[in-house]
Amino acid sequence: MRRDALRTTQTRDGRKVAVWQLVRSSARILRVQFPCESFTAHRLPSRTPLPGAQPGTILFDASPDLADARELLPRDSDLWDAVQHDYWGAVLSPKNLPNPLEA
């Protein structure tokens, strides 16, 4: 998998999903979905409504890193913990480590 590929992480119960990307050494969150929720999709932090998007979706004005996402949506720590776990798995994956022979 390419280092900058889109990645999806969900909570164990499947009620929260984050779509994110590994950019350099940072997890950048692109959107969060709450499949069981029906609130009008919107952007954060501007709160701009997105009536054409799937209900229960939050997009971001700028792709926050994991720490900023935790601040924007503090009640979803279970999702951020899952993303953090997947982040470390991606960062430490042998295919994502620099090849010393290519130096």
PDB file of N, CA and C in Angstrom:
ATOM      1  N   MET A   1       0.850  -1.179   0.000  1.00  0.00           N
ATOM      2  CA  MET A   1       0.000   0.000   0.000  1.00  0.00           C
ATOM      3  C   MET A   1       0.891   1.235   0.000  1.00  0.00           C
ATOM      4  N   ARG A   2       0.518   2.195  -0.802  1.00  0.00           N
ATOM      5  CA  ARG A   2       1.278   3.448  -0.834  1.00  0.00           C
ATOM      6  C   ARG A   2       1.136   4.164   0.495  1.00  0.00           C
ATOM      7  N   ARG A   3       2.214   4.838   0.877  1.00  0.00           N
ATOM      8  CA  ARG A   3       2.243   5.558   2.148  1.00  0.00           C
ATOM      9  C   ARG A   3       1.148   6.619   2.214  1.00  0.00           C
ATOM     10  N   ASP A   4       0.850   7.288   1.106  1.00  0.00           N
ATOM     11  CA  ASP A   4      -0.132   8.364   1.116  1.00  0.00           C
ATOM     12  C   ASP A   4      -1.542   7.896   0.744  1.00  0.00           C
ATOM     13  N   ALA A   5      -1.762   6.593   0.710  1.00  0.00           N
ATOM     14  CA  ALA A   5      -3.078   6.056   0.356  1.00  0.00           C
ATOM     15  C   ALA A   5      -4.117   6.420   1.419  1.00  0.00           C
ATOM     16  N   LEU A   6      -5.364   6.483   1.002  1.00  0.00           N
ATOM     17  CA  LEU A   6      -6.439   6.713   1.971  1.00  0.00           C
ATOM     18  C   LEU A   6      -6.583   5.477   2.842  1.00  0.00           C
ATOM     19  N   ARG A   7      -6.808   5.701   4.102  1.00  0.00           N
ATOM     20  CA  ARG A   7      -6.963   4.613   5.058  1.00  0.00           C
ATOM     21  C   ARG A   7      -8.281   4.802   5.798  1.00  0.00           C
ATOM     22  N   THR A   8      -8.869   3.711   6.212  1.00  0.00           N
ATOM     23  CA  THR A   8     -10.131   3.743   6.935  1.00  0.00           C
ATOM     24  C   THR A   8      -9.961   3.007   8.258  1.00  0.00           C
ATOM     25  N   THR A   9     -10.402   3.651   9.310  1.00  0.00           N
ATOM     26  CA  THR A   9     -10.362   3.048  10.640  1.00  0.00           C
ATOM     27  C   THR A   9     -11.743   3.180  11.239  1.00  0.00           C
ATOM     28  N   GLN A  10     -12.201   2.115  11.876  1.00  0.00           N
ATOM     29  CA  GLN A  10     -13.488   2.197  12.563  1.00  0.00           C
ATOM     30  C   GLN A  10     -13.362   1.674  13.982  1.00  0.00           C
ATOM     31  N   THR A  11     -14.297   2.096  14.811  1.00  0.00           N
ATOM     32  CA  THR A  11     -14.327   1.609  16.184  1.00  0.00           C
ATOM     33  C   THR A  11     -14.749   0.148  16.159  1.00  0.00           C
ATOM     34  N   ARG A  12     -14.492  -0.534  17.249  1.00  0.00           N
ATOM     35  CA  ARG A  12     -14.826  -1.972  17.321  1.00  0.00           C
ATOM     36  C   ARG A  12     -16.298  -2.247  17.035  1.00  0.00           C
ATOM     37  N   ASP A  13     -17.155  -1.340  17.493  1.00  0.00           N
ATOM     38  CA  ASP A  13     -18.589  -1.555  17.285  1.00  0.00           C
ATOM     39  C   ASP A  13     -19.067  -1.073  15.915  1.00  0.00           C
ATOM     40  N   GLY A  14     -18.189  -0.460  15.116  1.00  0.00           N
ATOM     41  CA  GLY A  14     -18.538  -0.019  13.774  1.00  0.00           C
ATOM     42  C   GLY A  14     -19.398   1.229  13.722  1.00  0.00           C
ATOM     43  N   ARG A  15     -19.581   1.905  14.846  1.00  0.00           N
ATOM     44  CA  ARG A  15     -20.463   3.074  14.884  1.00  0.00           C
ATOM     45  C   ARG A  15     -19.763   4.372  14.505  1.00  0.00           C
ATOM     46  N   LYS A  16     -18.444   4.332  14.380  1.00  0.00           N
ATOM     47  CA  LYS A  16     -17.673   5.526  14.007  1.00  0.00           C
ATOM     48  C   LYS A  16     -16.583   5.101  13.033  1.00  0.00           C
ATOM     49  N   VAL A  17     -16.419   5.897  11.980  1.00  0.00           N
ATOM     50  CA  VAL A  17     -15.422   5.588  10.951  1.00  0.00           C
ATOM     51  C   VAL A  17     -14.653   6.863  10.620  1.00  0.00           C
ATOM     52  N   ALA A  18     -13.338   6.749  10.552  1.00  0.00           N
ATOM     53  CA  ALA A  18     -12.496   7.873  10.137  1.00  0.00           C
ATOM     54  C   ALA A  18     -11.785   7.494   8.840  1.00  0.00           C
ATOM     55  N   VAL A  19     -11.775   8.421   7.909  1.00  0.00           N
ATOM     56  CA  VAL A  19     -10.995   8.265   6.686  1.00  0.00           C
ATOM     57  C   VAL A  19      -9.821   9.219   6.825  1.00  0.00           C
ATOM     58  N   TRP A  20      -8.609   8.678   6.686  1.00  0.00           N
ATOM     59  CA  TRP A  20      -7.422   9.477   6.947  1.00  0.00           C
ATOM     60  C   TRP A  20      -6.311   9.089   5.985  1.00  0.00           C
ATOM     61  N   GLN A  21      -5.262   9.890   6.035  1.00  0.00           N
ATOM     62  CA  GLN A  21      -4.139   9.703   5.139  1.00  0.00           C
ATOM     63  C   GLN A  21      -2.843   9.945   5.905  1.00  0.00           C
ATOM     64  N   LEU A  22      -1.849   9.129   5.632  1.00  0.00           N
ATOM     65  CA  LEU A  22      -0.540   9.321   6.234  1.00  0.00           C
ATOM     66  C   LEU A  22       0.231  10.309   5.371  1.00  0.00           C
ATOM     67  N   VAL A  23       0.461  11.496   5.905  1.00  0.00           N
ATOM     68  CA  VAL A  23       1.175  12.554   5.192  1.00  0.00           C
ATOM     69  C   VAL A  23       2.450  12.836   5.971  1.00  0.00           C
ATOM     70  N   ARG A  24       3.585  12.538   5.342  1.00  0.00           N
ATOM     71  CA  ARG A  24       4.879  12.576   6.020  1.00  0.00           C
ATOM     72  C   ARG A  24       4.775  11.739   7.290  1.00  0.00           C
ATOM     73  N   SER A  25       4.880  12.326   8.440  1.00  0.00           N
ATOM     74  CA  SER A  25       4.803  11.541   9.680  1.00  0.00           C
ATOM     75  C   SER A  25       3.527  11.834  10.460  1.00  0.00           C
ATOM     76  N   SER A  26       2.504  12.291   9.774  1.00  0.00           N
ATOM     77  CA  SER A  26       1.280  12.711  10.444  1.00  0.00           C
ATOM     78  C   SER A  26       0.049  12.019   9.868  1.00  0.00           C
ATOM     79  N   ALA A  27      -0.873  11.661  10.749  1.00  0.00           N
ATOM     80  CA  ALA A  27      -2.180  11.155  10.320  1.00  0.00           C
ATOM     81  C   ALA A  27      -3.074  12.367  10.090  1.00  0.00           C
ATOM     82  N   ARG A  28      -3.516  12.577   8.868  1.00  0.00           N
ATOM     83  CA  ARG A  28      -4.408  13.692   8.526  1.00  0.00           C
ATOM     84  C   ARG A  28      -5.806  13.142   8.326  1.00  0.00           C
ATOM     85  N   ILE A  29      -6.750  13.666   9.098  1.00  0.00           N
ATOM     86  CA  ILE A  29      -8.124  13.176   9.083  1.00  0.00           C
ATOM     87  C   ILE A  29      -8.896  13.915   7.989  1.00  0.00           C
ATOM     88  N   LEU A  30      -9.511  13.168   7.086  1.00  0.00           N
ATOM     89  CA  LEU A  30     -10.261  13.768   5.987  1.00  0.00           C
ATOM     90  C   LEU A  30     -11.754  13.862   6.300  1.00  0.00           C
ATOM     91  N   ARG A  31     -12.281  12.807   6.871  1.00  0.00           N
ATOM     92  CA  ARG A  31     -13.705  12.851   7.243  1.00  0.00           C
ATOM     93  C   ARG A  31     -13.990  11.805   8.306  1.00  0.00           C
ATOM     94  N   VAL A  32     -15.109  12.007   8.985  1.00  0.00           N
ATOM     95  CA  VAL A  32     -15.596  11.077   9.994  1.00  0.00           C
ATOM     96  C   VAL A  32     -17.035  10.768   9.643  1.00  0.00           C
ATOM     97  N   GLN A  33     -17.379   9.503   9.762  1.00  0.00           N
ATOM     98  CA  GLN A  33     -18.747   9.095   9.481  1.00  0.00           C
ATOM     99  C   GLN A  33     -19.313   8.366  10.691  1.00  0.00           C
ATOM    100  N   PHE A  34     -20.565   8.661  10.957  1.00  0.00           N
ATOM    101  CA  PHE A  34     -21.313   8.013  12.017  1.00  0.00           C
ATOM    102  C   PHE A  34     -22.498   7.327  11.329  1.00  0.00           C
ATOM    103  N   PRO A  35     -22.316   6.098  10.841  1.00  0.00           N
ATOM    104  CA  PRO A  35     -23.331   5.431  10.016  1.00  0.00           C
ATOM    105  C   PRO A  35     -24.711   5.307  10.657  1.00  0.00           C
ATOM    106  N   CYS A  36     -24.769   5.264  11.972  1.00  0.00           N
ATOM    107  CA  CYS A  36     -26.064   5.112  12.655  1.00  0.00           C
ATOM    108  C   CYS A  36     -26.723   6.446  12.972  1.00  0.00           C
ATOM    109  N   GLU A  37     -26.080   7.541  12.622  1.00  0.00           N
ATOM    110  CA  GLU A  37     -26.606   8.876  12.927  1.00  0.00           C
ATOM    111  C   GLU A  37     -27.242   9.482  11.676  1.00  0.00           C
ATOM    112  N   SER A  38     -28.163  10.405  11.877  1.00  0.00           N
ATOM    113  CA  SER A  38     -28.851  11.013  10.729  1.00  0.00           C
ATOM    114  C   SER A  38     -28.740  12.539  10.707  1.00  0.00           C
ATOM    115  N   PHE A  39     -27.789  13.108  11.449  1.00  0.00           N
ATOM    116  CA  PHE A  39     -27.654  14.563  11.425  1.00  0.00           C
ATOM    117  C   PHE A  39     -27.166  15.016  10.051  1.00  0.00           C
ATOM    118  N   THR A  40     -27.467  16.267   9.709  1.00  0.00           N
ATOM    119  CA  THR A  40     -27.050  16.824   8.431  1.00  0.00           C
ATOM    120  C   THR A  40     -25.529  16.899   8.392  1.00  0.00           C
ATOM    121  N   ALA A  41     -24.965  16.401   7.317  1.00  0.00           N
ATOM    122  CA  ALA A  41     -23.511  16.451   7.153  1.00  0.00           C
ATOM    123  C   ALA A  41     -23.048  17.902   7.216  1.00  0.00           C
ATOM    124  N   HIS A  42     -21.846  18.092   7.748  1.00  0.00           N
ATOM    125  CA  HIS A  42     -21.313  19.456   7.859  1.00  0.00           C
ATOM    126  C   HIS A  42     -19.794  19.433   7.902  1.00  0.00           C
ATOM    127  N   ARG A  43     -19.219  20.626   7.783  1.00  0.00           N
ATOM    128  CA  ARG A  43     -17.773  20.799   7.881  1.00  0.00           C
ATOM    129  C   ARG A  43     -17.435  21.356   9.262  1.00  0.00           C
ATOM    130  N   LEU A  44     -16.257  21.024   9.729  1.00  0.00           N
ATOM    131  CA  LEU A  44     -15.751  21.583  10.981  1.00  0.00           C
ATOM    132  C   LEU A  44     -14.427  22.263  10.706  1.00  0.00           C
ATOM    133  N   PRO A  45     -14.069  23.298  11.395  1.00  0.00           N
ATOM    134  CA  PRO A  45     -14.819  23.901  12.495  1.00  0.00           C
ATOM    135  C   PRO A  45     -15.854  24.930  12.067  1.00  0.00           C
ATOM    136  N   SER A  46     -16.014  25.198  10.775  1.00  0.00           N
ATOM    137  CA  SER A  46     -16.922  26.268  10.331  1.00  0.00           C
ATOM    138  C   SER A  46     -18.402  25.948  10.527  1.00  0.00           C
ATOM    139  N   ARG A  47     -18.725  24.681  10.700  1.00  0.00           N
ATOM    140  CA  ARG A  47     -20.120  24.222  10.836  1.00  0.00           C
ATOM    141  C   ARG A  47     -20.940  24.456   9.569  1.00  0.00           C
ATOM    142  N   THR A  48     -20.294  24.539   8.433  1.00  0.00           N
ATOM    143  CA  THR A  48     -20.987  24.720   7.161  1.00  0.00           C
ATOM    144  C   THR A  48     -21.783  23.460   6.841  1.00  0.00           C
ATOM    145  N   PRO A  49     -23.101  23.573   6.644  1.00  0.00           N
ATOM    146  CA  PRO A  49     -23.896  22.386   6.315  1.00  0.00           C
ATOM    147  C   PRO A  49     -23.580  21.887   4.906  1.00  0.00           C
ATOM    148  N   LEU A  50     -23.662  20.586   4.729  1.00  0.00           N
ATOM    149  CA  LEU A  50     -23.436  19.932   3.437  1.00  0.00           C
ATOM    150  C   LEU A  50     -24.639  19.042   3.145  1.00  0.00           C
ATOM    151  N   PRO A  51     -25.757  19.651   2.747  1.00  0.00           N
ATOM    152  CA  PRO A  51     -26.997  18.883   2.585  1.00  0.00           C
ATOM    153  C   PRO A  51     -26.907  17.774   1.543  1.00  0.00           C
ATOM    154  N   GLY A  52     -25.979  17.860   0.595  1.00  0.00           N
ATOM    155  CA  GLY A  52     -25.860  16.819  -0.435  1.00  0.00           C
ATOM    156  C   GLY A  52     -25.017  15.639  -0.014  1.00  0.00           C
ATOM    157  N   ALA A  53     -24.337  15.737   1.120  1.00  0.00           N
ATOM    158  CA  ALA A  53     -23.466  14.647   1.586  1.00  0.00           C
ATOM    159  C   ALA A  53     -24.263  13.654   2.422  1.00  0.00           C
ATOM    160  N   GLN A  54     -23.700  12.479   2.591  1.00  0.00           N
ATOM    161  CA  GLN A  54     -24.354  11.433   3.371  1.00  0.00           C
ATOM    162  C   GLN A  54     -24.597  11.905   4.802  1.00  0.00           C
ATOM    163  N   PRO A  55     -25.824  11.771   5.303  1.00  0.00           N
ATOM    164  CA  PRO A  55     -26.108  12.157   6.693  1.00  0.00           C
ATOM    165  C   PRO A  55     -25.154  11.424   7.645  1.00  0.00           C
ATOM    166  N   GLY A  56     -24.821  12.088   8.749  1.00  0.00           N
ATOM    167  CA  GLY A  56     -23.923  11.495   9.724  1.00  0.00           C
ATOM    168  C   GLY A  56     -22.458  11.645   9.371  1.00  0.00           C
ATOM    169  N   THR A  57     -22.152  12.544   8.438  1.00  0.00           N
ATOM    170  CA  THR A  57     -20.778  12.740   7.989  1.00  0.00           C
ATOM    171  C   THR A  57     -20.258  14.105   8.419  1.00  0.00           C
ATOM    172  N   ILE A  58     -19.006  14.135   8.848  1.00  0.00           N
ATOM    173  CA  ILE A  58     -18.320  15.388   9.159  1.00  0.00           C
ATOM    174  C   ILE A  58     -17.068  15.454   8.296  1.00  0.00           C
ATOM    175  N   LEU A  59     -16.949  16.520   7.526  1.00  0.00           N
ATOM    176  CA  LEU A  59     -15.729  16.799   6.775  1.00  0.00           C
ATOM    177  C   LEU A  59     -15.034  17.954   7.473  1.00  0.00           C
ATOM    178  N   PHE A  60     -13.796  18.186   7.123  1.00  0.00           N
ATOM    179  CA  PHE A  60     -13.032  19.231   7.800  1.00  0.00           C
ATOM    180  C   PHE A  60     -12.635  20.321   6.826  1.00  0.00           C
ATOM    181  N   ASP A  61     -12.635  21.577   7.318  1.00  0.00           N
ATOM    182  CA  ASP A  61     -12.209  22.715   6.498  1.00  0.00           C
ATOM    183  C   ASP A  61     -10.767  22.534   6.049  1.00  0.00           C
ATOM    184  N   ALA A  62      -9.935  22.020   6.916  1.00  0.00           N
ATOM    185  CA  ALA A  62      -8.544  21.661   6.611  1.00  0.00           C
ATOM    186  C   ALA A  62      -8.334  20.302   7.264  1.00  0.00           C
ATOM    187  N   SER A  63      -7.554  19.451   6.675  1.00  0.00           N
ATOM    188  CA  SER A  63      -7.349  18.107   7.230  1.00  0.00           C
ATOM    189  C   SER A  63      -6.536  18.192   8.524  1.00  0.00           C
ATOM    190  N   PRO A  64      -7.200  18.073   9.674  1.00  0.00           N
ATOM    191  CA  PRO A  64      -6.466  18.181  10.937  1.00  0.00           C
ATOM    192  C   PRO A  64      -5.611  16.943  11.178  1.00  0.00           C
ATOM    193  N   ASP A  65      -4.561  17.119  11.968  1.00  0.00           N
ATOM    194  CA  ASP A  65      -3.815  15.940  12.384  1.00  0.00           C
ATOM    195  C   ASP A  65      -4.605  15.292  13.525  1.00  0.00           C
ATOM    196  N   LEU A  66      -4.109  14.186  14.010  1.00  0.00           N
ATOM    197  CA  LEU A  66      -4.847  13.426  15.012  1.00  0.00           C
ATOM    198  C   LEU A  66      -5.079  14.226  16.293  1.00  0.00           C
ATOM    199  N   ALA A  67      -4.087  14.977  16.734  1.00  0.00           N
ATOM    200  CA  ALA A  67      -4.241  15.777  17.957  1.00  0.00           C
ATOM    201  C   ALA A  67      -5.328  16.836  17.783  1.00  0.00           C
ATOM    202  N   ASP A  68      -5.345  17.507  16.623  1.00  0.00           N
ATOM    203  CA  ASP A  68      -6.374  18.521  16.372  1.00  0.00           C
ATOM    204  C   ASP A  68      -7.755  17.887  16.252  1.00  0.00           C
ATOM    205  N   ALA A  69      -7.834  16.715  15.647  1.00  0.00           N
ATOM    206  CA  ALA A  69      -9.115  16.022  15.531  1.00  0.00           C
ATOM    207  C   ALA A  69      -9.658  15.670  16.917  1.00  0.00           C
ATOM    208  N   ARG A  70      -8.764  15.253  17.808  1.00  0.00           N
ATOM    209  CA  ARG A  70      -9.190  14.964  19.190  1.00  0.00           C
ATOM    210  C   ARG A  70      -9.780  16.209  19.849  1.00  0.00           C
ATOM    211  N   GLU A  71      -9.212  17.373  19.558  1.00  0.00           N
ATOM    212  CA  GLU A  71      -9.732  18.617  20.132  1.00  0.00           C
ATOM    213  C   GLU A  71     -11.071  18.999  19.508  1.00  0.00           C
ATOM    214  N   LEU A  72     -11.218  18.776  18.200  1.00  0.00           N
ATOM    215  CA  LEU A  72     -12.461  19.131  17.520  1.00  0.00           C
ATOM    216  C   LEU A  72     -13.621  18.221  17.925  1.00  0.00           C
ATOM    217  N   LEU A  73     -13.329  16.945  18.135  1.00  0.00           N
ATOM    218  CA  LEU A  73     -14.364  15.969  18.491  1.00  0.00           C
ATOM    219  C   LEU A  73     -13.908  15.158  19.709  1.00  0.00           C
ATOM    220  N   PRO A  74     -13.861  15.802  20.877  1.00  0.00           N
ATOM    221  CA  PRO A  74     -13.312  15.132  22.060  1.00  0.00           C
ATOM    222  C   PRO A  74     -14.136  13.946  22.565  1.00  0.00           C
ATOM    223  N   ARG A  75     -15.398  13.890  22.245  1.00  0.00           N
ATOM    224  CA  ARG A  75     -16.239  12.778  22.721  1.00  0.00           C
ATOM    225  C   ARG A  75     -15.968  11.478  21.968  1.00  0.00           C
ATOM    226  N   ASP A  76     -15.175  11.559  20.922  1.00  0.00           N
ATOM    227  CA  ASP A  76     -14.936  10.381  20.088  1.00  0.00           C
ATOM    228  C   ASP A  76     -13.546   9.798  20.307  1.00  0.00           C
ATOM    229  N   SER A  77     -13.119   9.778  21.556  1.00  0.00           N
ATOM    230  CA  SER A  77     -11.769   9.296  21.867  1.00  0.00           C
ATOM    231  C   SER A  77     -11.574   7.838  21.469  1.00  0.00           C
ATOM    232  N   ASP A  78     -12.649   7.033  21.489  1.00  0.00           N
ATOM    233  CA  ASP A  78     -12.505   5.641  21.060  1.00  0.00           C
ATOM    234  C   ASP A  78     -12.088   5.563  19.590  1.00  0.00           C
ATOM    235  N   LEU A  79     -12.627   6.450  18.761  1.00  0.00           N
ATOM    236  CA  LEU A  79     -12.240   6.483  17.351  1.00  0.00           C
ATOM    237  C   LEU A  79     -10.805   6.958  17.202  1.00  0.00           C
ATOM    238  N   TRP A  80     -10.432   7.999  17.939  1.00  0.00           N
ATOM    239  CA  TRP A  80      -9.069   8.532  17.823  1.00  0.00           C
ATOM    240  C   TRP A  80      -8.044   7.531  18.345  1.00  0.00           C
ATOM    241  N   ASP A  81      -8.411   6.759  19.370  1.00  0.00           N
ATOM    242  CA  ASP A  81      -7.506   5.711  19.849  1.00  0.00           C
ATOM    243  C   ASP A  81      -7.314   4.643  18.773  1.00  0.00           C
ATOM    244  N   ALA A  82      -8.384   4.297  18.071  1.00  0.00           N
ATOM    245  CA  ALA A  82      -8.288   3.304  16.994  1.00  0.00           C
ATOM    246  C   ALA A  82      -7.433   3.828  15.840  1.00  0.00           C
ATOM    247  N   VAL A  83      -7.606   5.112  15.491  1.00  0.00           N
ATOM    248  CA  VAL A  83      -6.782   5.707  14.433  1.00  0.00           C
ATOM    249  C   VAL A  83      -5.322   5.718  14.867  1.00  0.00           C
ATOM    250  N   GLN A  84      -5.068   6.068  16.121  1.00  0.00           N
ATOM    251  CA  GLN A  84      -3.694   6.090  16.613  1.00  0.00           C
ATOM    252  C   GLN A  84      -3.064   4.695  16.495  1.00  0.00           C
ATOM    253  N   HIS A  85      -3.800   3.669  16.836  1.00  0.00           N
ATOM    254  CA  HIS A  85      -3.310   2.293  16.719  1.00  0.00           C
ATOM    255  C   HIS A  85      -2.970   1.973  15.269  1.00  0.00           C
ATOM    256  N   ASP A  86      -3.871   2.300  14.354  1.00  0.00           N
ATOM    257  CA  ASP A  86      -3.631   2.041  12.925  1.00  0.00           C
ATOM    258  C   ASP A  86      -2.498   2.909  12.384  1.00  0.00           C
ATOM    259  N   TYR A  87      -2.387   4.121  12.901  1.00  0.00           N
ATOM    260  CA  TYR A  87      -1.308   5.018  12.484  1.00  0.00           C
ATOM    261  C   TYR A  87       0.048   4.388  12.776  1.00  0.00           C
ATOM    262  N   TRP A  88       0.221   3.906  14.002  1.00  0.00           N
ATOM    263  CA  TRP A  88       1.513   3.305  14.359  1.00  0.00           C
ATOM    264  C   TRP A  88       1.769   2.049  13.544  1.00  0.00           C
ATOM    265  N   GLY A  89       0.725   1.299  13.255  1.00  0.00           N
ATOM    266  CA  GLY A  89       0.896   0.138  12.390  1.00  0.00           C
ATOM    267  C   GLY A  89       1.368   0.533  11.005  1.00  0.00           C
ATOM    268  N   ALA A  90       0.836   1.634  10.487  1.00  0.00           N
ATOM    269  CA  ALA A  90       1.235   2.107   9.158  1.00  0.00           C
ATOM    270  C   ALA A  90       2.651   2.665   9.170  1.00  0.00           C
ATOM    271  N   VAL A  91       2.983   3.443  10.189  1.00  0.00           N
ATOM    272  CA  VAL A  91       4.304   4.066  10.267  1.00  0.00           C
ATOM    273  C   VAL A  91       5.394   3.008  10.424  1.00  0.00           C
ATOM    274  N   LEU A  92       5.128   1.989  11.219  1.00  0.00           N
ATOM    275  CA  LEU A  92       6.134   0.974  11.496  1.00  0.00           C
ATOM    276  C   LEU A  92       6.121  -0.198  10.512  1.00  0.00           C
ATOM    277  N   SER A  93       5.233  -0.153   9.547  1.00  0.00           N
ATOM    278  CA  SER A  93       5.180  -1.208   8.538  1.00  0.00           C
ATOM    279  C   SER A  93       6.484  -1.214   7.752  1.00  0.00           C
ATOM    280  N   PRO A  94       7.095  -2.376   7.549  1.00  0.00           N
ATOM    281  CA  PRO A  94       8.361  -2.439   6.806  1.00  0.00           C
ATOM    282  C   PRO A  94       8.285  -1.795   5.426  1.00  0.00           C
ATOM    283  N   LYS A  95       7.153  -1.859   4.776  1.00  0.00           N
ATOM    284  CA  LYS A  95       7.054  -1.256   3.443  1.00  0.00           C
ATOM    285  C   LYS A  95       7.012   0.268   3.495  1.00  0.00           C
ATOM    286  N   ASN A  96       6.808   0.856   4.682  1.00  0.00           N
ATOM    287  CA  ASN A  96       6.803   2.312   4.825  1.00  0.00           C
ATOM    288  C   ASN A  96       8.099   2.866   5.398  1.00  0.00           C
ATOM    289  N   LEU A  97       9.002   1.986   5.796  1.00  0.00           N
ATOM    290  CA  LEU A  97      10.277   2.443   6.338  1.00  0.00           C
ATOM    291  C   LEU A  97      11.237   2.748   5.194  1.00  0.00           C
ATOM    292  N   PRO A  98      12.118   3.726   5.356  1.00  0.00           N
ATOM    293  CA  PRO A  98      13.070   4.045   4.296  1.00  0.00           C
ATOM    294  C   PRO A  98      14.013   2.859   4.045  1.00  0.00           C
ATOM    295  N   ASN A  99      14.365   2.680   2.796  1.00  0.00           N
ATOM    296  CA  ASN A  99      15.277   1.617   2.409  1.00  0.00           C
ATOM    297  C   ASN A  99      16.705   2.140   2.517  1.00  0.00           C
ATOM    298  N   PRO A 100      17.541   1.597   3.432  1.00  0.00           N
ATOM    299  CA  PRO A 100      18.905   2.101   3.598  1.00  0.00           C
ATOM    300  C   PRO A 100      19.767   1.875   2.358  1.00  0.00           C
ATOM    301  N   LEU A 101      19.374   0.944   1.496  1.00  0.00           N
ATOM    302  CA  LEU A 101      20.144   0.672   0.288  1.00  0.00           C
ATOM    303  C   LEU A 101      19.898   1.726  -0.797  1.00  0.00           C
ATOM    304  N   GLU A 102      18.853   2.550  -0.609  1.00  0.00           N
ATOM    305  CA  GLU A 102      18.529   3.573  -1.607  1.00  0.00           C
ATOM    306  C   GLU A 102      19.123   4.921  -1.242  1.00  0.00           C
ATOM    307  N   ALA A 103      19.947   4.979  -0.231  1.00  0.00           N
ATOM    308  CA  ALA A 103      20.525   6.258   0.221  1.00  0.00           C
ATOM    309  C   ALA A 103      21.555   6.810  -0.736  1.00  0.00           C
TER     310      ALA A 103
END
